[in-house]
Amino acid sequence: MTMELTNITILLLGMLCVAASMPLSPESIETTCQQKSNNPRGNIIPICNATTHHFVPKQCDNETGFCWCAEVYSGHMMAGTHQAKSDFNIDCISHKGTKCEQNLHEVLQQLGSGNTTWIPSCDMFDGTYTPTQCNFFTGQCWCVDKMNGIKNGTEWYALNTNIDCVKTFAEDEVISQKKTEKYLGWLTALHEITEFLWNDLMTMDLSRD
């Protein structure tokens, strides 16, 4: 059930991101910022740019007194930027965010031009790639390394498949560690053999002298 909810959440996020990237016209749907502003959850009402209708880079919650930097198309709160309004000293316009957050911004910028690549999903706490990534245009999901977003393994999954990428990544890490230990064992053995042969050679040369 937990994995099903996770996949549904990722799917909804992708749909929102696609909607956020569409150019505004009388017939087009609202941007994500407009949707959240018109139908706020709780007391947080996002601030939208008057011209683009996307999120302004700096968002604040006046009730709690906290501010943060937001990705302008999706509203994603950038990792490490949630601070008290009185102490807030981040220039959100120039703030680039993590590798995943930069990737997310670049992809959303290109969606309006017909790009059908996958929309990166970033962890809201540390800004790394979420272990499960999906391409909502092709209906495929896969596991990635959370630090660089590179596909982990060779498997592809349908959107509604229950996959535990955290477990998959951990298992791959164990396999990789075992391979490294085996390789180091070979190097150690090779070094010992080389040292033995060298010492034996030196002994032979000294006996001849």
N, C-alpha and C. Protein backbone atom coordinates (compact mmCIF):
# COMPACT_ATOMS: atom_id res chain seq x y z
N MET A 1 0.83 -1.21 0.00
CA MET A 1 0.00 0.00 0.00
C MET A 1 0.86 1.25 0.00
N THR A 2 1.96 1.23 0.81
CA THR A 2 2.84 2.40 0.88
C THR A 2 3.48 2.69 -0.47
N MET A 3 3.94 1.62 -1.16
CA MET A 3 4.58 1.80 -2.45
C MET A 3 3.57 2.30 -3.48
N GLU A 4 2.29 1.82 -3.38
CA GLU A 4 1.26 2.27 -4.31
C GLU A 4 1.02 3.76 -4.14
N LEU A 5 0.95 4.22 -2.87
CA LEU A 5 0.75 5.64 -2.60
C LEU A 5 1.92 6.47 -3.11
N THR A 6 3.14 5.92 -2.97
CA THR A 6 4.33 6.63 -3.45
C THR A 6 4.27 6.82 -4.96
N ASN A 7 3.89 5.76 -5.70
CA ASN A 7 3.81 5.85 -7.15
C ASN A 7 2.71 6.81 -7.59
N ILE A 8 1.59 6.81 -6.85
CA ILE A 8 0.49 7.73 -7.17
C ILE A 8 0.94 9.17 -6.94
N THR A 9 1.69 9.39 -5.84
CA THR A 9 2.18 10.74 -5.52
C THR A 9 3.13 11.23 -6.62
N ILE A 10 4.03 10.35 -7.07
CA ILE A 10 4.98 10.71 -8.13
C ILE A 10 4.23 11.04 -9.42
N LEU A 11 3.18 10.25 -9.72
CA LEU A 11 2.40 10.48 -10.93
C LEU A 11 1.71 11.84 -10.88
N LEU A 12 1.10 12.16 -9.73
CA LEU A 12 0.42 13.45 -9.58
C LEU A 12 1.40 14.61 -9.69
N LEU A 13 2.60 14.44 -9.10
CA LEU A 13 3.62 15.49 -9.18
C LEU A 13 4.02 15.73 -10.63
N GLY A 14 4.18 14.65 -11.38
CA GLY A 14 4.54 14.78 -12.78
C GLY A 14 3.47 15.51 -13.57
N MET A 15 2.20 15.20 -13.30
CA MET A 15 1.10 15.86 -13.99
C MET A 15 1.06 17.34 -13.68
N LEU A 16 1.33 17.68 -12.41
CA LEU A 16 1.36 19.09 -12.02
C LEU A 16 2.50 19.84 -12.70
N CYS A 17 3.65 19.17 -12.79
CA CYS A 17 4.82 19.80 -13.41
C CYS A 17 4.57 20.06 -14.90
N VAL A 18 3.90 19.10 -15.56
CA VAL A 18 3.59 19.28 -16.98
C VAL A 18 2.65 20.46 -17.15
N ALA A 19 1.63 20.54 -16.27
CA ALA A 19 0.68 21.64 -16.34
C ALA A 19 1.36 22.98 -16.11
N ALA A 20 2.36 22.98 -15.18
CA ALA A 20 3.04 24.23 -14.84
C ALA A 20 3.86 24.77 -16.00
N SER A 21 4.29 23.91 -16.89
CA SER A 21 5.18 24.34 -17.97
C SER A 21 4.44 24.88 -19.19
N MET A 22 3.15 24.67 -19.26
CA MET A 22 2.39 25.07 -20.44
C MET A 22 2.23 26.58 -20.53
N PRO A 23 2.40 27.15 -21.72
CA PRO A 23 2.23 28.59 -21.87
C PRO A 23 0.79 29.00 -21.58
N LEU A 24 0.64 30.19 -21.00
CA LEU A 24 -0.67 30.66 -20.60
C LEU A 24 -1.41 31.26 -21.78
N SER A 25 -2.64 30.84 -21.98
CA SER A 25 -3.51 31.40 -23.01
C SER A 25 -4.93 31.30 -22.48
N PRO A 26 -5.90 31.97 -23.08
CA PRO A 26 -7.26 31.92 -22.58
C PRO A 26 -7.80 30.51 -22.47
N GLU A 27 -7.34 29.61 -23.36
CA GLU A 27 -7.88 28.25 -23.34
C GLU A 27 -7.04 27.29 -22.49
N SER A 28 -5.84 27.69 -22.12
CA SER A 28 -4.94 26.77 -21.43
C SER A 28 -5.29 26.66 -19.96
N ILE A 29 -4.80 25.58 -19.35
CA ILE A 29 -5.07 25.38 -17.93
C ILE A 29 -4.17 26.29 -17.11
N GLU A 30 -4.50 26.44 -15.84
CA GLU A 30 -3.73 27.31 -14.96
C GLU A 30 -2.37 26.70 -14.66
N THR A 31 -1.44 27.57 -14.28
CA THR A 31 -0.13 27.08 -13.84
C THR A 31 -0.30 26.45 -12.47
N THR A 32 0.71 25.73 -12.03
CA THR A 32 0.66 25.11 -10.71
C THR A 32 0.51 26.17 -9.63
N CYS A 33 1.19 27.29 -9.78
CA CYS A 33 1.10 28.35 -8.79
C CYS A 33 -0.32 28.90 -8.70
N GLN A 34 -0.96 29.11 -9.85
CA GLN A 34 -2.33 29.60 -9.86
C GLN A 34 -3.28 28.60 -9.22
N GLN A 35 -3.07 27.31 -9.52
CA GLN A 35 -3.92 26.27 -8.95
C GLN A 35 -3.81 26.26 -7.42
N LYS A 36 -2.57 26.34 -6.92
CA LYS A 36 -2.37 26.31 -5.47
C LYS A 36 -2.83 27.60 -4.81
N SER A 37 -2.75 28.69 -5.54
CA SER A 37 -3.19 29.97 -5.00
C SER A 37 -4.71 30.03 -4.92
N ASN A 38 -5.38 29.46 -5.91
CA ASN A 38 -6.84 29.45 -5.93
C ASN A 38 -7.45 28.38 -5.03
N ASN A 39 -6.66 27.34 -4.78
CA ASN A 39 -7.13 26.24 -3.91
C ASN A 39 -6.04 25.91 -2.90
N PRO A 40 -5.76 26.83 -1.99
CA PRO A 40 -4.66 26.63 -1.03
C PRO A 40 -4.94 25.50 -0.05
N ARG A 41 -3.86 24.84 0.35
CA ARG A 41 -3.94 23.81 1.38
C ARG A 41 -3.45 24.42 2.68
N GLY A 42 -4.31 24.48 3.66
CA GLY A 42 -3.92 25.11 4.92
C GLY A 42 -3.89 26.62 4.75
N ASN A 43 -2.93 27.25 5.41
CA ASN A 43 -2.84 28.71 5.39
C ASN A 43 -1.77 29.24 4.45
N ILE A 44 -1.09 28.34 3.74
CA ILE A 44 -0.02 28.77 2.84
C ILE A 44 -0.61 29.09 1.47
N ILE A 45 -0.56 30.36 1.09
CA ILE A 45 -1.02 30.79 -0.23
C ILE A 45 0.20 31.25 -1.02
N PRO A 46 0.58 30.52 -2.05
CA PRO A 46 1.79 30.87 -2.80
C PRO A 46 1.68 32.22 -3.50
N ILE A 47 2.82 32.85 -3.71
CA ILE A 47 2.89 34.12 -4.42
C ILE A 47 3.29 33.82 -5.86
N CYS A 48 2.46 34.25 -6.81
CA CYS A 48 2.72 34.00 -8.23
C CYS A 48 3.22 35.26 -8.92
N ASN A 49 4.12 35.07 -9.86
CA ASN A 49 4.62 36.19 -10.65
C ASN A 49 3.48 36.78 -11.47
N ALA A 50 3.33 38.10 -11.45
CA ALA A 50 2.20 38.75 -12.12
C ALA A 50 2.24 38.59 -13.63
N THR A 51 3.43 38.37 -14.18
CA THR A 51 3.58 38.25 -15.64
C THR A 51 3.54 36.80 -16.11
N THR A 52 4.36 35.95 -15.48
CA THR A 52 4.46 34.56 -15.93
C THR A 52 3.44 33.65 -15.25
N HIS A 53 2.94 34.09 -14.10
CA HIS A 53 1.98 33.33 -13.30
C HIS A 53 2.61 32.08 -12.66
N HIS A 54 3.94 32.00 -12.70
CA HIS A 54 4.63 30.92 -12.00
C HIS A 54 5.03 31.43 -10.61
N PHE A 55 5.61 30.56 -9.82
CA PHE A 55 6.01 30.92 -8.46
C PHE A 55 7.12 31.97 -8.47
N VAL A 56 7.07 32.92 -7.56
CA VAL A 56 8.22 33.82 -7.39
C VAL A 56 9.27 33.02 -6.64
N PRO A 57 10.56 33.29 -6.84
CA PRO A 57 11.62 32.49 -6.24
C PRO A 57 11.58 32.41 -4.71
N LYS A 58 11.17 33.51 -4.05
CA LYS A 58 11.11 33.51 -2.60
C LYS A 58 9.67 33.42 -2.14
N GLN A 59 9.36 32.38 -1.37
CA GLN A 59 8.03 32.18 -0.83
C GLN A 59 8.08 32.27 0.69
N CYS A 60 7.00 32.78 1.29
CA CYS A 60 6.96 32.93 2.74
C CYS A 60 5.60 32.52 3.30
N ASP A 61 5.61 32.05 4.52
CA ASP A 61 4.39 31.75 5.26
C ASP A 61 4.33 32.74 6.42
N ASN A 62 3.50 33.75 6.29
CA ASN A 62 3.44 34.80 7.29
C ASN A 62 2.94 34.30 8.65
N GLU A 63 2.19 33.22 8.63
CA GLU A 63 1.66 32.69 9.89
C GLU A 63 2.76 32.05 10.73
N THR A 64 3.64 31.28 10.08
CA THR A 64 4.72 30.63 10.82
C THR A 64 5.97 31.49 10.88
N GLY A 65 6.06 32.48 9.98
CA GLY A 65 7.24 33.36 9.97
C GLY A 65 8.45 32.75 9.30
N PHE A 66 8.23 31.77 8.41
CA PHE A 66 9.34 31.12 7.71
C PHE A 66 9.26 31.41 6.20
N CYS A 67 10.44 31.46 5.57
CA CYS A 67 10.53 31.65 4.13
C CYS A 67 11.43 30.57 3.54
N TRP A 68 11.36 30.44 2.21
CA TRP A 68 12.19 29.45 1.53
C TRP A 68 12.29 29.81 0.05
N CYS A 69 13.25 29.17 -0.63
CA CYS A 69 13.39 29.36 -2.07
C CYS A 69 12.59 28.27 -2.77
N ALA A 70 11.88 28.66 -3.83
CA ALA A 70 11.05 27.71 -4.56
C ALA A 70 11.49 27.60 -6.01
N GLU A 71 11.40 26.39 -6.56
CA GLU A 71 11.60 26.20 -7.99
C GLU A 71 10.40 26.86 -8.67
N VAL A 72 10.64 27.75 -9.61
CA VAL A 72 9.58 28.64 -10.08
C VAL A 72 8.45 27.96 -10.85
N TYR A 73 8.68 26.79 -11.44
CA TYR A 73 7.63 26.13 -12.22
C TYR A 73 6.78 25.17 -11.37
N SER A 74 7.42 24.44 -10.49
CA SER A 74 6.72 23.43 -9.69
C SER A 74 6.40 23.88 -8.28
N GLY A 75 7.14 24.89 -7.77
CA GLY A 75 6.95 25.31 -6.40
C GLY A 75 7.72 24.46 -5.41
N HIS A 76 8.53 23.51 -5.90
CA HIS A 76 9.32 22.65 -5.03
C HIS A 76 10.18 23.49 -4.08
N MET A 77 10.08 23.19 -2.78
CA MET A 77 10.90 23.89 -1.79
C MET A 77 12.34 23.39 -1.88
N MET A 78 13.26 24.28 -2.19
CA MET A 78 14.65 23.87 -2.34
C MET A 78 15.27 23.51 -0.99
N ALA A 79 16.00 22.43 -1.01
CA ALA A 79 16.60 21.90 0.21
C ALA A 79 17.51 22.92 0.89
N GLY A 80 17.42 23.00 2.21
CA GLY A 80 18.31 23.85 2.99
C GLY A 80 17.98 25.32 2.97
N THR A 81 16.82 25.69 2.41
CA THR A 81 16.49 27.12 2.32
C THR A 81 15.37 27.54 3.27
N HIS A 82 14.79 26.60 3.99
CA HIS A 82 13.68 26.91 4.91
C HIS A 82 14.24 27.58 6.17
N GLN A 83 14.03 28.89 6.27
CA GLN A 83 14.59 29.66 7.38
C GLN A 83 13.57 30.66 7.92
N ALA A 84 13.82 31.10 9.15
CA ALA A 84 12.96 32.13 9.74
C ALA A 84 13.05 33.40 8.91
N LYS A 85 11.92 34.05 8.72
CA LYS A 85 11.87 35.24 7.87
C LYS A 85 12.81 36.32 8.36
N SER A 86 12.94 36.46 9.68
CA SER A 86 13.80 37.50 10.26
C SER A 86 15.27 37.25 10.01
N ASP A 87 15.64 35.98 9.76
CA ASP A 87 17.05 35.63 9.54
C ASP A 87 17.35 35.25 8.10
N PHE A 88 16.35 35.34 7.23
CA PHE A 88 16.52 34.85 5.87
C PHE A 88 17.53 35.70 5.10
N ASN A 89 18.57 35.06 4.60
CA ASN A 89 19.63 35.80 3.91
C ASN A 89 20.04 35.15 2.59
N ILE A 90 19.14 34.38 1.98
CA ILE A 90 19.45 33.68 0.73
C ILE A 90 18.88 34.46 -0.45
N ASP A 91 19.70 34.63 -1.47
CA ASP A 91 19.24 35.26 -2.71
C ASP A 91 18.61 34.17 -3.57
N CYS A 92 17.30 34.03 -3.48
CA CYS A 92 16.61 32.93 -4.16
C CYS A 92 16.67 33.05 -5.68
N ILE A 93 16.85 34.25 -6.19
CA ILE A 93 16.92 34.42 -7.65
C ILE A 93 18.17 33.75 -8.22
N SER A 94 19.28 33.85 -7.51
CA SER A 94 20.54 33.27 -7.98
C SER A 94 20.81 31.89 -7.38
N HIS A 95 20.00 31.48 -6.41
CA HIS A 95 20.21 30.18 -5.76
C HIS A 95 19.95 29.04 -6.74
N LYS A 96 20.94 28.19 -6.95
CA LYS A 96 20.85 27.13 -7.96
C LYS A 96 20.26 25.83 -7.42
N GLY A 97 20.43 25.57 -6.13
CA GLY A 97 19.92 24.33 -5.56
C GLY A 97 20.83 23.15 -5.82
N THR A 98 20.33 21.95 -5.52
CA THR A 98 21.10 20.72 -5.68
C THR A 98 21.12 20.31 -7.15
N LYS A 99 21.87 19.26 -7.44
CA LYS A 99 21.96 18.74 -8.81
C LYS A 99 20.56 18.37 -9.32
N CYS A 100 19.78 17.70 -8.47
CA CYS A 100 18.44 17.28 -8.88
C CYS A 100 17.54 18.50 -9.11
N GLU A 101 17.62 19.49 -8.24
CA GLU A 101 16.79 20.68 -8.36
C GLU A 101 17.14 21.49 -9.61
N GLN A 102 18.42 21.55 -9.94
CA GLN A 102 18.84 22.22 -11.18
C GLN A 102 18.31 21.45 -12.39
N ASN A 103 18.39 20.12 -12.30
CA ASN A 103 17.90 19.25 -13.37
C ASN A 103 16.39 19.45 -13.56
N LEU A 104 15.67 19.52 -12.45
CA LEU A 104 14.22 19.72 -12.48
C LEU A 104 13.87 21.03 -13.17
N HIS A 105 14.56 22.10 -12.80
CA HIS A 105 14.30 23.42 -13.38
C HIS A 105 14.56 23.43 -14.89
N GLU A 106 15.67 22.82 -15.29
CA GLU A 106 16.03 22.79 -16.71
C GLU A 106 15.00 22.02 -17.54
N VAL A 107 14.53 20.90 -16.98
CA VAL A 107 13.54 20.08 -17.70
C VAL A 107 12.22 20.83 -17.84
N LEU A 108 11.77 21.47 -16.77
CA LEU A 108 10.50 22.20 -16.82
C LEU A 108 10.57 23.39 -17.76
N GLN A 109 11.75 23.99 -17.88
CA GLN A 109 11.93 25.09 -18.83
C GLN A 109 11.71 24.63 -20.26
N GLN A 110 12.10 23.39 -20.54
CA GLN A 110 12.07 22.88 -21.91
C GLN A 110 10.75 22.21 -22.29
N LEU A 111 9.89 21.93 -21.32
CA LEU A 111 8.67 21.20 -21.60
C LEU A 111 7.77 21.92 -22.60
N GLY A 112 7.71 23.24 -22.50
CA GLY A 112 6.86 24.01 -23.39
C GLY A 112 7.25 23.90 -24.85
N SER A 113 8.49 23.49 -25.12
CA SER A 113 8.97 23.38 -26.50
C SER A 113 8.76 21.98 -27.06
N GLY A 114 8.02 21.15 -26.31
CA GLY A 114 7.69 19.81 -26.80
C GLY A 114 8.62 18.73 -26.31
N ASN A 115 9.52 19.05 -25.39
CA ASN A 115 10.43 18.05 -24.84
C ASN A 115 9.64 17.03 -24.04
N THR A 116 9.87 15.75 -24.29
CA THR A 116 9.12 14.71 -23.59
C THR A 116 10.02 13.86 -22.71
N THR A 117 11.06 14.47 -22.17
CA THR A 117 11.94 13.75 -21.27
C THR A 117 11.26 13.57 -19.91
N TRP A 118 11.88 12.81 -19.05
CA TRP A 118 11.27 12.60 -17.73
C TRP A 118 11.46 13.82 -16.85
N ILE A 119 10.53 14.01 -15.92
CA ILE A 119 10.60 15.14 -14.99
C ILE A 119 11.22 14.63 -13.69
N PRO A 120 12.41 15.07 -13.33
CA PRO A 120 13.07 14.59 -12.12
C PRO A 120 12.23 14.82 -10.86
N SER A 121 12.26 13.86 -9.97
CA SER A 121 11.60 13.98 -8.68
C SER A 121 12.69 14.13 -7.62
N CYS A 122 12.64 15.25 -6.86
CA CYS A 122 13.69 15.53 -5.88
C CYS A 122 13.15 15.39 -4.45
N ASP A 123 13.97 14.88 -3.58
CA ASP A 123 13.59 14.75 -2.17
C ASP A 123 13.42 16.13 -1.55
N MET A 124 12.32 16.36 -0.85
CA MET A 124 12.03 17.68 -0.31
C MET A 124 12.91 18.04 0.88
N PHE A 125 13.60 17.04 1.47
CA PHE A 125 14.41 17.32 2.65
C PHE A 125 15.87 17.61 2.31
N ASP A 126 16.47 16.80 1.43
CA ASP A 126 17.89 17.01 1.13
C ASP A 126 18.15 17.35 -0.33
N GLY A 127 17.11 17.38 -1.15
CA GLY A 127 17.27 17.80 -2.54
C GLY A 127 17.88 16.76 -3.47
N THR A 128 18.14 15.55 -2.97
CA THR A 128 18.69 14.50 -3.82
C THR A 128 17.56 13.89 -4.67
N TYR A 129 17.94 13.08 -5.65
CA TYR A 129 16.94 12.40 -6.47
C TYR A 129 16.19 11.38 -5.62
N THR A 130 14.88 11.30 -5.75
CA THR A 130 14.15 10.25 -5.06
C THR A 130 14.54 8.92 -5.72
N PRO A 131 14.62 7.82 -4.97
CA PRO A 131 15.10 6.55 -5.52
C PRO A 131 14.30 6.07 -6.73
N THR A 132 12.99 6.38 -6.77
CA THR A 132 12.15 5.98 -7.90
C THR A 132 11.89 7.17 -8.80
N GLN A 133 12.24 7.05 -10.06
CA GLN A 133 12.00 8.10 -11.05
C GLN A 133 11.07 7.54 -12.13
N CYS A 134 10.20 8.40 -12.68
CA CYS A 134 9.25 7.94 -13.70
C CYS A 134 9.18 8.92 -14.87
N ASN A 135 8.96 8.38 -16.05
CA ASN A 135 8.71 9.19 -17.24
C ASN A 135 7.22 9.06 -17.54
N PHE A 136 6.47 10.15 -17.32
CA PHE A 136 5.02 10.10 -17.44
C PHE A 136 4.56 10.11 -18.89
N PHE A 137 5.48 10.37 -19.80
CA PHE A 137 5.14 10.35 -21.22
C PHE A 137 5.22 8.92 -21.76
N THR A 138 6.13 8.11 -21.21
CA THR A 138 6.30 6.74 -21.68
C THR A 138 5.66 5.72 -20.74
N GLY A 139 5.34 6.15 -19.51
CA GLY A 139 4.73 5.24 -18.54
C GLY A 139 5.73 4.30 -17.90
N GLN A 140 7.01 4.66 -17.90
CA GLN A 140 8.05 3.79 -17.33
C GLN A 140 8.66 4.41 -16.08
N CYS A 141 9.04 3.54 -15.15
CA CYS A 141 9.74 3.95 -13.93
C CYS A 141 11.02 3.14 -13.80
N TRP A 142 11.96 3.64 -13.00
CA TRP A 142 13.22 2.95 -12.81
C TRP A 142 13.87 3.44 -11.51
N CYS A 143 14.86 2.73 -11.05
CA CYS A 143 15.58 3.09 -9.83
C CYS A 143 16.84 3.87 -10.20
N VAL A 144 17.19 4.86 -9.36
CA VAL A 144 18.38 5.67 -9.64
C VAL A 144 19.25 5.82 -8.40
N ASP A 145 20.48 6.22 -8.64
CA ASP A 145 21.38 6.63 -7.57
C ASP A 145 20.90 8.00 -7.11
N LYS A 146 20.60 8.14 -5.84
CA LYS A 146 19.99 9.39 -5.36
C LYS A 146 20.92 10.60 -5.46
N MET A 147 22.23 10.38 -5.58
CA MET A 147 23.16 11.50 -5.64
C MET A 147 23.31 12.08 -7.05
N ASN A 148 23.24 11.22 -8.07
CA ASN A 148 23.47 11.72 -9.43
C ASN A 148 22.33 11.45 -10.41
N GLY A 149 21.31 10.71 -9.97
CA GLY A 149 20.16 10.45 -10.83
C GLY A 149 20.41 9.43 -11.93
N ILE A 150 21.58 8.79 -11.91
CA ILE A 150 21.90 7.80 -12.94
C ILE A 150 21.15 6.50 -12.66
N LYS A 151 20.60 5.91 -13.71
CA LYS A 151 19.81 4.69 -13.59
C LYS A 151 20.62 3.59 -12.92
N ASN A 152 19.97 2.95 -11.95
CA ASN A 152 20.61 1.89 -11.17
C ASN A 152 20.08 0.54 -11.64
N GLY A 153 20.91 -0.25 -12.28
CA GLY A 153 20.47 -1.54 -12.78
C GLY A 153 19.91 -1.43 -14.19
N THR A 154 19.28 -2.50 -14.64
CA THR A 154 18.79 -2.55 -16.01
C THR A 154 17.28 -2.69 -16.10
N GLU A 155 16.60 -2.77 -14.95
CA GLU A 155 15.16 -3.01 -14.96
C GLU A 155 14.35 -1.75 -15.24
N TRP A 156 13.22 -1.93 -15.96
CA TRP A 156 12.24 -0.88 -16.19
C TRP A 156 10.91 -1.36 -15.64
N TYR A 157 10.11 -0.46 -15.08
CA TYR A 157 8.85 -0.85 -14.46
C TYR A 157 7.71 0.04 -14.97
N ALA A 158 6.51 -0.52 -14.99
CA ALA A 158 5.33 0.27 -15.35
C ALA A 158 4.98 1.19 -14.17
N LEU A 159 4.24 2.25 -14.46
CA LEU A 159 3.92 3.25 -13.44
C LEU A 159 3.23 2.65 -12.22
N ASN A 160 2.40 1.65 -12.42
CA ASN A 160 1.63 1.08 -11.31
C ASN A 160 2.33 -0.09 -10.63
N THR A 161 3.60 -0.28 -10.93
CA THR A 161 4.36 -1.39 -10.33
C THR A 161 4.88 -1.00 -8.95
N ASN A 162 4.74 -1.91 -8.00
CA ASN A 162 5.28 -1.67 -6.66
C ASN A 162 6.76 -2.06 -6.64
N ILE A 163 7.62 -1.06 -6.59
CA ILE A 163 9.06 -1.33 -6.57
C ILE A 163 9.69 -0.64 -5.36
N ASP A 164 10.61 -1.34 -4.74
CA ASP A 164 11.32 -0.79 -3.58
C ASP A 164 12.73 -0.45 -4.02
N CYS A 165 12.89 0.76 -4.56
CA CYS A 165 14.20 1.15 -5.09
C CYS A 165 15.24 1.35 -4.00
N VAL A 166 14.79 1.69 -2.80
CA VAL A 166 15.74 1.85 -1.70
C VAL A 166 16.40 0.51 -1.39
N LYS A 167 15.59 -0.55 -1.37
CA LYS A 167 16.11 -1.89 -1.13
C LYS A 167 16.99 -2.33 -2.29
N THR A 168 16.56 -2.05 -3.52
CA THR A 168 17.33 -2.43 -4.70
C THR A 168 18.70 -1.77 -4.69
N PHE A 169 18.72 -0.47 -4.36
CA PHE A 169 19.98 0.26 -4.32
C PHE A 169 20.90 -0.29 -3.24
N ALA A 170 20.32 -0.63 -2.08
CA ALA A 170 21.11 -1.18 -0.97
C ALA A 170 21.73 -2.52 -1.36
N GLU A 171 20.95 -3.35 -2.06
CA GLU A 171 21.47 -4.65 -2.50
C GLU A 171 22.60 -4.47 -3.50
N ASP A 172 22.46 -3.51 -4.40
CA ASP A 172 23.50 -3.24 -5.39
C ASP A 172 24.76 -2.72 -4.71
N GLU A 173 24.58 -1.93 -3.64
CA GLU A 173 25.72 -1.41 -2.90
C GLU A 173 26.50 -2.55 -2.26
N VAL A 174 25.76 -3.54 -1.72
CA VAL A 174 26.41 -4.70 -1.10
C VAL A 174 27.20 -5.48 -2.14
N ILE A 175 26.58 -5.70 -3.31
CA ILE A 175 27.26 -6.42 -4.40
C ILE A 175 28.52 -5.68 -4.83
N SER A 176 28.40 -4.36 -4.97
CA SER A 176 29.54 -3.54 -5.39
C SER A 176 30.66 -3.61 -4.35
N GLN A 177 30.28 -3.59 -3.07
CA GLN A 177 31.27 -3.65 -2.00
C GLN A 177 32.00 -4.99 -2.02
N LYS A 178 31.26 -6.07 -2.26
CA LYS A 178 31.87 -7.40 -2.31
C LYS A 178 32.85 -7.50 -3.48
N LYS A 179 32.46 -6.91 -4.62
CA LYS A 179 33.36 -6.92 -5.78
C LYS A 179 34.63 -6.14 -5.48
N THR A 180 34.48 -5.01 -4.78
CA THR A 180 35.65 -4.20 -4.42
C THR A 180 36.56 -4.96 -3.47
N GLU A 181 35.96 -5.62 -2.49
CA GLU A 181 36.76 -6.39 -1.53
C GLU A 181 37.50 -7.53 -2.23
N LYS A 182 36.82 -8.17 -3.19
CA LYS A 182 37.46 -9.26 -3.94
C LYS A 182 38.62 -8.74 -4.76
N TYR A 183 38.43 -7.57 -5.39
CA TYR A 183 39.48 -6.95 -6.20
C TYR A 183 40.68 -6.58 -5.33
N LEU A 184 40.40 -6.01 -4.16
CA LEU A 184 41.49 -5.64 -3.24
C LEU A 184 42.23 -6.88 -2.76
N GLY A 185 41.48 -7.97 -2.59
CA GLY A 185 42.12 -9.23 -2.18
C GLY A 185 43.10 -9.72 -3.23
N TRP A 186 42.69 -9.60 -4.50
CA TRP A 186 43.59 -9.99 -5.60
C TRP A 186 44.84 -9.11 -5.62
N LEU A 187 44.65 -7.81 -5.42
CA LEU A 187 45.79 -6.90 -5.43
C LEU A 187 46.76 -7.22 -4.30
N THR A 188 46.20 -7.54 -3.13
CA THR A 188 47.05 -7.87 -1.98
C THR A 188 47.86 -9.14 -2.26
N ALA A 189 47.18 -10.15 -2.82
CA ALA A 189 47.86 -11.41 -3.13
C ALA A 189 48.95 -11.19 -4.19
N LEU A 190 48.64 -10.37 -5.20
CA LEU A 190 49.61 -10.08 -6.25
C LEU A 190 50.82 -9.34 -5.68
N HIS A 191 50.57 -8.43 -4.76
CA HIS A 191 51.67 -7.69 -4.13
C HIS A 191 52.57 -8.63 -3.33
N GLU A 192 51.96 -9.56 -2.60
CA GLU A 192 52.74 -10.49 -1.78
C GLU A 192 53.59 -11.41 -2.66
N ILE A 193 53.00 -11.86 -3.79
CA ILE A 193 53.75 -12.73 -4.70
C ILE A 193 54.92 -11.96 -5.32
N THR A 194 54.64 -10.72 -5.74
CA THR A 194 55.68 -9.90 -6.35
C THR A 194 56.81 -9.63 -5.36
N GLU A 195 56.46 -9.34 -4.12
CA GLU A 195 57.47 -9.08 -3.08
C GLU A 195 58.30 -10.33 -2.81
N PHE A 196 57.63 -11.50 -2.79
CA PHE A 196 58.34 -12.77 -2.56
C PHE A 196 59.34 -13.04 -3.68
N LEU A 197 58.89 -12.86 -4.93
CA LEU A 197 59.77 -13.12 -6.08
C LEU A 197 60.93 -12.13 -6.10
N TRP A 198 60.67 -10.87 -5.73
CA TRP A 198 61.73 -9.87 -5.72
C TRP A 198 62.78 -10.20 -4.66
N ASN A 199 62.33 -10.57 -3.48
CA ASN A 199 63.26 -10.94 -2.41
C ASN A 199 64.06 -12.18 -2.79
N ASP A 200 63.40 -13.14 -3.45
CA ASP A 200 64.08 -14.36 -3.87
C ASP A 200 65.14 -14.04 -4.92
N LEU A 201 64.80 -13.10 -5.83
CA LEU A 201 65.73 -12.69 -6.87
C LEU A 201 66.94 -11.99 -6.27
N MET A 202 66.71 -11.12 -5.31
CA MET A 202 67.79 -10.41 -4.65
C MET A 202 68.70 -11.37 -3.90
N THR A 203 68.11 -12.42 -3.30
CA THR A 203 68.90 -13.41 -2.58
C THR A 203 69.81 -14.17 -3.53
N MET A 204 69.29 -14.51 -4.69
CA MET A 204 70.06 -15.23 -5.71
C MET A 204 71.23 -14.36 -6.20
N ASP A 205 71.00 -13.08 -6.41
CA ASP A 205 72.06 -12.20 -6.88
C ASP A 205 73.17 -12.05 -5.85
N LEU A 206 72.79 -11.97 -4.57
CA LEU A 206 73.78 -11.82 -3.51
C LEU A 206 74.61 -13.07 -3.36
N SER A 207 74.00 -14.24 -3.52
CA SER A 207 74.74 -15.50 -3.40
C SER A 207 75.75 -15.65 -4.52
N ARG A 208 75.46 -15.14 -5.70
CA ARG A 208 76.39 -15.20 -6.82
C ARG A 208 77.59 -14.29 -6.57
N ASP A 209 77.36 -13.15 -5.95
CA ASP A 209 78.47 -12.22 -5.66
C ASP A 209 79.40 -12.85 -4.63
